[in-house]
């Protein structure tokens, strides 16, 4: 009898380049939003539209809507750079589950934050929450990997997660921009919980053990 909890039962390993498909879908939706009037407002997550118009699909679709080419380019660059490695390590099925779980729950937590702070006019859009979660996963799966900032400065992946965490906390407190800094932090948080609950892995222990050697 299999005593493994149902939420930890692994998928059979298959790799079918789902990261590339996600990137393609994001670009297709981006171009559609530029041609179909008001489409982005139906896809992006907004507290008022979810609560009063019951647009529950926005918890998923917000990940595929972006504001401007720079926004989607940077998100998709991050998804490609970190996503391919993560997908190869855990398999495409697990990657899909991870990507959508972290993306959706990041939106749910942001929705709760916006709801209780009265931020009803803000539209949340972009894959950043899920991409930050993928970065976190990359740092757990490849803890000794070096990320070269601007192609010059080498930073270990776990340290990069720490740096981004500090940046997002400070930016969330002091920044007046429309960037969803707390959604990025929620991406890290949900990714951490995913590894604890789903994978039975403590990211902090992995990082500690690797840097003891």
Protein backbone atom coordinates (compact mmCIF):
# COMPACT_ATOMS: atom_id res chain seq x y z
CA UNK A 1 0.00 0.00 0.00
CA UNK A 2 1.33 3.40 -1.00
CA UNK A 3 1.70 5.47 2.19
CA UNK A 4 2.80 8.59 0.33
CA UNK A 5 0.23 11.40 0.83
CA UNK A 6 -1.71 12.10 -2.35
CA UNK A 7 -0.33 15.63 -2.56
CA UNK A 8 3.23 14.29 -2.72
CA UNK A 9 2.74 11.58 -5.30
CA UNK A 10 5.04 12.39 -8.21
CA UNK A 11 4.07 12.51 -11.86
CA UNK A 12 5.75 10.22 -14.34
CA UNK A 13 8.67 12.18 -15.77
CA UNK A 14 8.08 13.68 -19.19
CA UNK A 15 9.73 16.65 -20.84
CA UNK A 16 7.87 18.38 -23.67
CA UNK A 17 9.19 21.97 -23.65
CA UNK A 18 6.22 23.46 -21.83
CA UNK A 19 8.27 26.55 -20.96
CA UNK A 20 8.55 27.41 -24.65
CA UNK A 21 4.80 26.92 -25.12
CA UNK A 22 4.04 29.21 -22.18
CA UNK A 23 6.28 31.89 -23.67
CA UNK A 24 4.56 31.57 -27.05
CA UNK A 25 1.10 31.80 -25.46
CA UNK A 26 2.14 34.90 -23.56
CA UNK A 27 3.32 36.61 -26.73
CA UNK A 28 0.16 35.59 -28.61
CA UNK A 29 -2.03 37.05 -25.85
CA UNK A 30 0.13 40.18 -25.76
CA UNK A 31 -0.39 40.82 -29.48
CA UNK A 32 -4.12 40.03 -29.21
CA UNK A 33 -4.43 42.62 -26.43
CA UNK A 34 -2.92 45.18 -28.79
CA UNK A 35 -5.56 44.47 -31.44
CA UNK A 36 -8.69 43.60 -29.43
CA UNK A 37 -10.05 46.63 -27.62
CA UNK A 38 -10.31 46.33 -23.81
CA UNK A 39 -9.23 42.67 -23.84
CA UNK A 40 -6.51 43.39 -21.29
CA UNK A 41 -9.13 44.66 -18.82
CA UNK A 42 -10.94 41.31 -18.98
CA UNK A 43 -7.71 39.36 -18.48
CA UNK A 44 -5.91 41.46 -15.82
CA UNK A 45 -7.02 40.95 -12.21
CA UNK A 46 -9.00 43.72 -10.57
CA UNK A 47 -10.70 43.46 -7.16
CA UNK A 48 -13.88 45.23 -8.26
CA UNK A 49 -14.29 43.09 -11.38
CA UNK A 50 -13.71 39.88 -9.44
CA UNK A 51 -16.03 40.78 -6.56
CA UNK A 52 -18.84 42.59 -8.37
CA UNK A 53 -18.63 41.17 -11.92
CA UNK A 54 -17.54 37.65 -10.83
CA UNK A 55 -14.63 37.53 -13.26
CA UNK A 56 -12.94 34.69 -11.37
CA UNK A 57 -10.93 33.65 -14.41
CA UNK A 58 -8.72 36.70 -13.84
CA UNK A 59 -6.77 34.77 -11.16
CA UNK A 60 -5.39 32.73 -14.08
CA UNK A 61 -5.54 35.04 -17.08
CA UNK A 62 -3.68 37.94 -15.41
CA UNK A 63 -0.49 35.91 -15.90
CA UNK A 64 -0.81 36.19 -19.67
CA UNK A 65 -1.58 39.93 -19.90
CA UNK A 66 1.29 42.43 -19.96
CA UNK A 67 1.69 46.18 -20.10
CA UNK A 68 4.05 47.04 -22.91
CA UNK A 69 6.74 45.13 -24.77
CA UNK A 70 9.45 45.72 -22.14
CA UNK A 71 7.21 44.16 -19.48
CA UNK A 72 6.57 40.96 -21.42
CA UNK A 73 10.12 40.75 -22.78
CA UNK A 74 11.72 40.83 -19.32
CA UNK A 75 9.22 38.36 -17.88
CA UNK A 76 9.63 35.92 -20.76
CA UNK A 77 13.41 36.28 -20.67
CA UNK A 78 13.33 35.30 -16.99
CA UNK A 79 10.91 32.46 -17.68
CA UNK A 80 13.15 31.10 -20.43
CA UNK A 81 16.39 31.51 -18.50
CA UNK A 82 15.16 29.81 -15.32
CA UNK A 83 12.16 27.85 -16.53
CA UNK A 84 13.95 25.50 -18.93
CA UNK A 85 16.31 24.32 -16.19
CA UNK A 86 13.53 23.87 -13.65
CA UNK A 87 11.34 22.02 -16.15
CA UNK A 88 14.17 19.65 -17.06
CA UNK A 89 14.81 18.93 -13.38
CA UNK A 90 11.24 18.21 -12.28
CA UNK A 91 9.51 17.28 -15.53
CA UNK A 92 6.94 19.17 -17.59
CA UNK A 93 3.84 18.01 -15.68
CA UNK A 94 5.28 19.04 -12.32
CA UNK A 95 6.47 22.30 -13.83
CA UNK A 96 2.99 23.11 -15.10
CA UNK A 97 1.49 22.38 -11.70
CA UNK A 98 4.16 24.50 -10.02
CA UNK A 99 3.80 27.39 -12.47
CA UNK A 100 0.03 27.68 -12.25
CA UNK A 101 -0.18 26.98 -8.53
CA UNK A 102 2.34 29.68 -7.68
CA UNK A 103 0.91 32.11 -10.22
CA UNK A 104 -2.69 31.67 -9.08
CA UNK A 105 -1.93 31.75 -5.35
CA UNK A 106 0.25 34.84 -5.82
CA UNK A 107 -2.80 36.51 -7.35
CA UNK A 108 -5.07 35.29 -4.54
CA UNK A 109 -2.75 36.72 -1.89
CA UNK A 110 -2.44 39.98 -3.84
CA UNK A 111 -6.24 40.10 -4.16
CA UNK A 112 -6.58 39.77 -0.37
CA UNK A 113 -4.01 42.53 0.12
CA UNK A 114 -5.73 44.82 -2.38
CA UNK A 115 -9.18 44.04 -0.96
CA UNK A 116 -8.31 44.93 2.62
CA UNK A 117 -6.27 48.00 1.68
CA UNK A 118 -9.01 49.35 -0.58
CA UNK A 119 -6.90 49.12 -3.74
CA UNK A 120 -9.89 48.51 -5.98
CA UNK A 121 -8.66 50.48 -8.97
CA UNK A 122 -5.39 48.60 -9.45
CA UNK A 123 -5.13 46.07 -12.28
CA UNK A 124 -2.71 43.22 -11.64
CA UNK A 125 -1.15 41.83 -14.79
CA UNK A 126 1.96 39.97 -15.87
CA UNK A 127 3.67 36.65 -15.23
CA UNK A 128 6.04 38.10 -12.62
CA UNK A 129 4.59 36.24 -9.64
CA UNK A 130 5.04 32.88 -11.34
CA UNK A 131 8.42 33.89 -12.81
CA UNK A 132 9.73 34.87 -9.38
CA UNK A 133 8.53 31.48 -8.13
CA UNK A 134 10.44 29.81 -10.98
CA UNK A 135 13.56 31.77 -10.00
CA UNK A 136 13.11 30.50 -6.44
CA UNK A 137 12.76 26.92 -7.72
CA UNK A 138 15.88 27.32 -9.84
CA UNK A 139 17.84 28.43 -6.76
CA UNK A 140 16.62 25.35 -4.86
CA UNK A 141 17.29 22.87 -7.66
CA UNK A 142 20.61 24.44 -8.70
CA UNK A 143 21.90 26.01 -5.47
CA UNK A 144 25.47 26.33 -6.75
CA UNK A 145 24.49 27.91 -10.06
CA UNK A 146 25.95 31.34 -10.74
CA UNK A 147 23.76 34.05 -12.27
CA UNK A 148 25.73 36.72 -14.10
CA UNK A 149 24.13 40.12 -13.56
CA UNK A 150 24.55 42.25 -16.70
CA UNK A 151 26.63 39.32 -17.95
CA UNK A 152 29.49 40.39 -15.67
CA UNK A 153 28.81 40.03 -11.93
CA UNK A 154 28.50 36.40 -10.75
CA UNK A 155 25.95 35.85 -7.96
CA UNK A 156 24.92 32.44 -6.55
CA UNK A 157 21.25 31.74 -7.30
CA UNK A 158 20.18 31.56 -3.60
CA UNK A 159 21.89 34.90 -2.89
CA UNK A 160 20.06 36.42 -5.86
CA UNK A 161 16.76 35.28 -4.30
CA UNK A 162 17.79 36.97 -1.04
CA UNK A 163 18.77 40.18 -2.86
CA UNK A 164 15.48 40.29 -4.77
CA UNK A 165 13.56 39.65 -1.53
CA UNK A 166 15.18 42.66 0.13
CA UNK A 167 14.66 44.81 -2.98
CA UNK A 168 10.97 43.89 -3.23
CA UNK A 169 10.33 44.49 0.47
CA UNK A 170 11.98 47.92 0.36
CA UNK A 171 10.30 48.79 -2.95
CA UNK A 172 6.92 47.63 -1.67
CA UNK A 173 7.21 49.96 1.30
CA UNK A 174 8.67 53.04 -0.37
CA UNK A 175 7.96 52.81 -4.12
CA UNK A 176 5.07 54.72 -5.69
CA UNK A 177 5.28 52.84 -9.01
CA UNK A 178 2.62 50.48 -10.35
CA UNK A 179 4.95 47.48 -10.11
CA UNK A 180 3.38 44.70 -8.01
CA UNK A 181 6.28 44.22 -5.60
CA UNK A 182 4.20 42.27 -3.11
CA UNK A 183 3.09 39.86 -5.84
CA UNK A 184 6.76 39.09 -6.49
CA UNK A 185 7.24 38.38 -2.77
CA UNK A 186 4.13 36.20 -2.77
CA UNK A 187 5.68 34.28 -5.67
CA UNK A 188 8.71 33.51 -3.48
CA UNK A 189 6.49 32.62 -0.52
CA UNK A 190 4.21 30.26 -2.44
CA UNK A 191 7.22 28.61 -4.11
CA UNK A 192 8.76 28.03 -0.66
CA UNK A 193 5.53 26.46 0.59
CA UNK A 194 5.26 24.36 -2.59
CA UNK A 195 8.66 22.81 -1.93
CA UNK A 196 7.76 22.16 1.71
CA UNK A 197 4.29 20.70 1.10
CA UNK A 198 4.45 19.14 -2.35
CA UNK A 199 8.11 18.16 -2.64
CA UNK A 200 8.90 17.54 1.02
CA UNK A 201 12.01 19.69 0.66
CA UNK A 202 13.18 22.54 2.89
CA UNK A 203 14.87 25.10 0.62
CA UNK A 204 16.75 26.69 3.52
CA UNK A 205 18.23 23.31 4.48
CA UNK A 206 19.37 22.71 0.90
CA UNK A 207 21.06 26.11 0.75
CA UNK A 208 22.64 25.66 4.18
CA UNK A 209 23.93 22.16 3.39
CA UNK A 210 25.34 23.23 0.01
CA UNK A 211 27.29 26.15 1.39
CA UNK A 212 28.71 24.12 4.25
CA UNK A 213 30.67 22.01 1.77
